[in-house]
Amino acid sequence: MTGAGTDKATYDTTVSLALPPGTPSATYEGVAIKRHFPESATLLPDGRVLLFENGYLETYDPASGKCADAGFISPGGEWYPNSATLLTNGIVLFEGGDVIDPITGDAPNIRTAVLYDPAGGSLTTGSLLVARGNEYTATLLPDGSVLIAGGEEDNDGNALASAELIKP
């Protein structure tokens, strides 16, 4: 962005998030999981950006201007977590949200929490105490834990007025 000190921002570059041709798609019970657009972008300590879309992970490297596939971490279907939180150790926490079953179209809120290590690609899967849909917050606290608060509603249609603390 240029134009410091002006009222209007101008943009210098359009970035392509296209993956290399032949990048594989994941399937769930034989149905391909679609790639649409990134739901979150997390700046990693090494300068790359971790993009999350429907359960797919990819990295964007601003130095090369290219994206690379980083795997599929959905618990079964198109996953829409509400947030991605970069922890102090460089690991990224994804949690809650909805998973759309591509066969039935059902989209229950889930309790899944995934820790993803972008340096080595490893995954650790756990769970939240409560299934949280959209509109909850995830806040990294100074001690390295994450406070997950609120949520649109649980699977029974009730608004959530609760919070939980994750200590990765």
Protein backbone atom coordinates (compact mmCIF):
# COMPACT_ATOMS: atom_id res chain seq x y z
CA MET A 1 0.00 0.00 0.00
CA THR A 2 1.29 3.44 -0.84
CA GLY A 3 0.05 6.94 -0.30
CA ALA A 4 1.15 7.55 3.29
CA GLY A 5 -0.23 10.79 4.58
CA THR A 6 -3.09 10.87 2.09
CA ASP A 7 -6.76 10.21 2.59
CA LYS A 8 -6.86 7.41 0.02
CA ALA A 9 -4.98 4.15 0.03
CA THR A 10 -3.65 2.79 -3.22
CA TYR A 11 -2.68 -0.81 -3.73
CA ASP A 12 0.45 -1.83 -5.60
CA THR A 13 -0.09 -5.53 -6.20
CA THR A 14 -2.82 -8.09 -6.68
CA VAL A 15 -1.85 -11.44 -5.13
CA SER A 16 -2.93 -14.74 -6.65
CA LEU A 17 -3.89 -17.41 -4.13
CA ALA A 18 -4.00 -20.06 -6.86
CA LEU A 19 -2.46 -23.38 -5.94
CA PRO A 20 -0.23 -25.22 -8.40
CA PRO A 21 -2.09 -27.28 -11.03
CA GLY A 22 -2.73 -30.84 -9.86
CA THR A 23 -3.11 -29.92 -6.16
CA PRO A 24 -5.24 -32.77 -4.78
CA SER A 25 -8.71 -32.35 -3.32
CA ALA A 26 -9.86 -34.15 -0.21
CA THR A 27 -12.94 -36.35 -0.23
CA TYR A 28 -15.45 -37.32 2.41
CA GLU A 29 -17.32 -40.58 1.73
CA GLY A 30 -16.37 -40.24 -1.94
CA VAL A 31 -17.55 -36.63 -2.37
CA ALA A 32 -14.92 -33.96 -3.09
CA ILE A 33 -14.64 -31.19 -0.50
CA LYS A 34 -14.82 -27.87 -2.35
CA ARG A 35 -12.24 -25.12 -2.11
CA HIS A 36 -13.94 -21.74 -2.11
CA PHE A 37 -11.94 -18.94 -0.54
CA PRO A 38 -9.87 -18.57 2.63
CA GLU A 39 -11.87 -17.99 5.81
CA SER A 40 -8.80 -17.02 7.83
CA ALA A 41 -5.27 -15.81 7.24
CA THR A 42 -2.67 -16.12 10.00
CA LEU A 43 0.76 -14.49 9.81
CA LEU A 44 3.35 -17.09 10.83
CA PRO A 45 6.63 -16.31 12.61
CA ASP A 46 8.63 -17.15 9.45
CA GLY A 47 6.76 -14.50 7.39
CA ARG A 48 4.48 -16.89 5.49
CA VAL A 49 0.70 -16.63 5.78
CA LEU A 50 -1.35 -19.70 6.70
CA LEU A 51 -4.68 -19.70 4.84
CA PHE A 52 -7.60 -21.88 5.93
CA GLU A 53 -10.54 -22.77 3.68
CA ASN A 54 -13.17 -25.45 4.30
CA GLY A 55 -10.64 -27.66 6.11
CA TYR A 56 -7.79 -27.08 3.64
CA LEU A 57 -4.59 -25.39 4.69
CA GLU A 58 -2.24 -23.61 2.35
CA THR A 59 0.63 -21.22 2.84
CA TYR A 60 1.30 -18.02 0.97
CA ASP A 61 4.95 -16.96 0.77
CA PRO A 62 5.24 -13.21 0.12
CA ALA A 63 8.92 -13.61 -0.84
CA SER A 64 8.09 -15.90 -3.77
CA GLY A 65 4.50 -14.73 -4.31
CA LYS A 66 3.30 -18.35 -4.41
CA CYS A 67 0.91 -20.58 -2.51
CA ALA A 68 1.61 -24.16 -1.47
CA ASP A 69 -0.78 -26.86 -0.29
CA ALA A 70 -0.33 -27.68 3.41
CA GLY A 71 -2.90 -30.45 3.82
CA PHE A 72 -6.47 -31.07 4.90
CA ILE A 73 -7.41 -31.02 8.60
CA SER A 74 -11.22 -31.15 8.63
CA PRO A 75 -12.90 -33.54 11.05
CA GLY A 76 -15.20 -34.74 8.22
CA GLY A 77 -16.64 -32.42 5.58
CA GLU A 78 -16.37 -28.70 4.89
CA TRP A 79 -15.16 -27.16 8.16
CA TYR A 80 -15.86 -23.53 9.01
CA PRO A 81 -14.16 -22.67 12.30
CA ASN A 82 -14.67 -19.14 13.51
CA SER A 83 -11.02 -18.39 14.21
CA ALA A 84 -7.38 -19.29 13.88
CA THR A 85 -5.19 -18.30 16.83
CA LEU A 86 -1.39 -18.14 16.55
CA LEU A 87 0.04 -19.40 19.84
CA THR A 88 3.28 -18.15 21.36
CA ASN A 89 5.11 -21.32 20.23
CA GLY A 90 4.20 -20.79 16.54
CA ILE A 91 1.46 -23.43 16.51
CA VAL A 92 -1.99 -22.42 15.21
CA LEU A 93 -5.22 -23.35 17.05
CA PHE A 94 -8.44 -23.94 15.06
CA GLU A 95 -11.58 -24.78 17.03
CA GLY A 96 -15.36 -25.14 16.96
CA GLY A 97 -17.51 -23.84 14.15
CA ASP A 98 -19.59 -25.92 11.75
CA VAL A 99 -18.83 -28.95 9.60
CA ILE A 100 -21.03 -29.39 6.54
CA ASP A 101 -21.58 -33.01 5.53
CA PRO A 102 -21.31 -32.87 1.70
CA ILE A 103 -23.74 -35.79 1.37
CA THR A 104 -26.57 -34.75 3.70
CA GLY A 105 -25.96 -31.00 3.90
CA ASP A 106 -26.22 -31.17 7.70
CA ALA A 107 -24.07 -28.56 9.45
CA PRO A 108 -23.81 -29.26 13.17
CA ASN A 109 -21.66 -27.15 15.46
CA ILE A 110 -18.66 -29.14 16.63
CA ARG A 111 -16.40 -29.40 19.65
CA THR A 112 -13.25 -30.18 17.66
CA ALA A 113 -10.03 -28.30 18.35
CA VAL A 114 -6.93 -28.81 16.21
CA LEU A 115 -3.39 -27.67 16.91
CA TYR A 116 -1.43 -27.37 13.66
CA ASP A 117 2.35 -26.97 13.59
CA PRO A 118 3.20 -25.15 10.34
CA ALA A 119 6.93 -25.87 10.76
CA GLY A 120 6.51 -29.65 10.62
CA GLY A 121 2.91 -30.14 9.50
CA SER A 122 1.93 -32.14 12.56
CA LEU A 123 -1.60 -32.16 13.97
CA THR A 124 -2.94 -32.68 17.47
CA THR A 125 -6.69 -33.06 17.79
CA GLY A 126 -8.70 -32.40 20.93
CA SER A 127 -12.06 -30.95 21.81
CA LEU A 128 -13.84 -28.03 23.38
CA LEU A 129 -16.15 -28.57 26.35
CA VAL A 130 -19.08 -27.08 24.39
CA ALA A 131 -19.88 -27.17 20.66
CA ARG A 132 -19.64 -23.56 19.52
CA GLY A 133 -21.09 -22.27 16.26
CA ASN A 134 -20.40 -18.89 14.72
CA GLU A 135 -19.66 -15.57 16.34
CA TYR A 136 -17.56 -16.71 19.26
CA THR A 137 -14.20 -15.20 20.08
CA ALA A 138 -10.80 -16.77 20.67
CA THR A 139 -8.32 -14.56 22.53
CA LEU A 140 -4.68 -15.42 23.22
CA LEU A 141 -3.87 -14.54 26.83
CA PRO A 142 -0.43 -13.47 28.13
CA ASP A 143 0.18 -16.89 29.74
CA GLY A 144 -0.24 -18.66 26.35
CA SER A 145 -3.73 -20.02 27.02
CA VAL A 146 -6.71 -19.16 24.80
CA LEU A 147 -10.07 -17.91 26.07
CA ILE A 148 -12.97 -19.12 23.90
CA ALA A 149 -16.12 -17.10 24.67
CA GLY A 150 -19.72 -16.99 23.49
CA GLY A 151 -21.05 -18.36 20.26
CA GLU A 152 -24.08 -17.96 18.07
CA GLU A 153 -25.88 -21.02 19.36
CA ASP A 154 -25.43 -24.63 20.31
CA ASN A 155 -26.89 -27.56 18.35
CA ASP A 156 -30.17 -27.18 20.27
CA GLY A 157 -30.59 -23.54 19.16
CA ASN A 158 -29.59 -21.98 22.46
CA ALA A 159 -27.41 -18.86 22.58
CA LEU A 160 -24.16 -19.46 24.44
CA ALA A 161 -23.28 -17.25 27.38
CA SER A 162 -20.25 -19.25 28.47
CA ALA A 163 -16.50 -19.33 28.05
CA GLU A 164 -13.76 -21.92 28.36
CA LEU A 165 -10.01 -21.78 28.69
CA ILE A 166 -7.73 -23.88 26.48
CA LYS A 167 -4.19 -24.47 27.74
CA PRO A 168 -2.33 -26.00 24.77
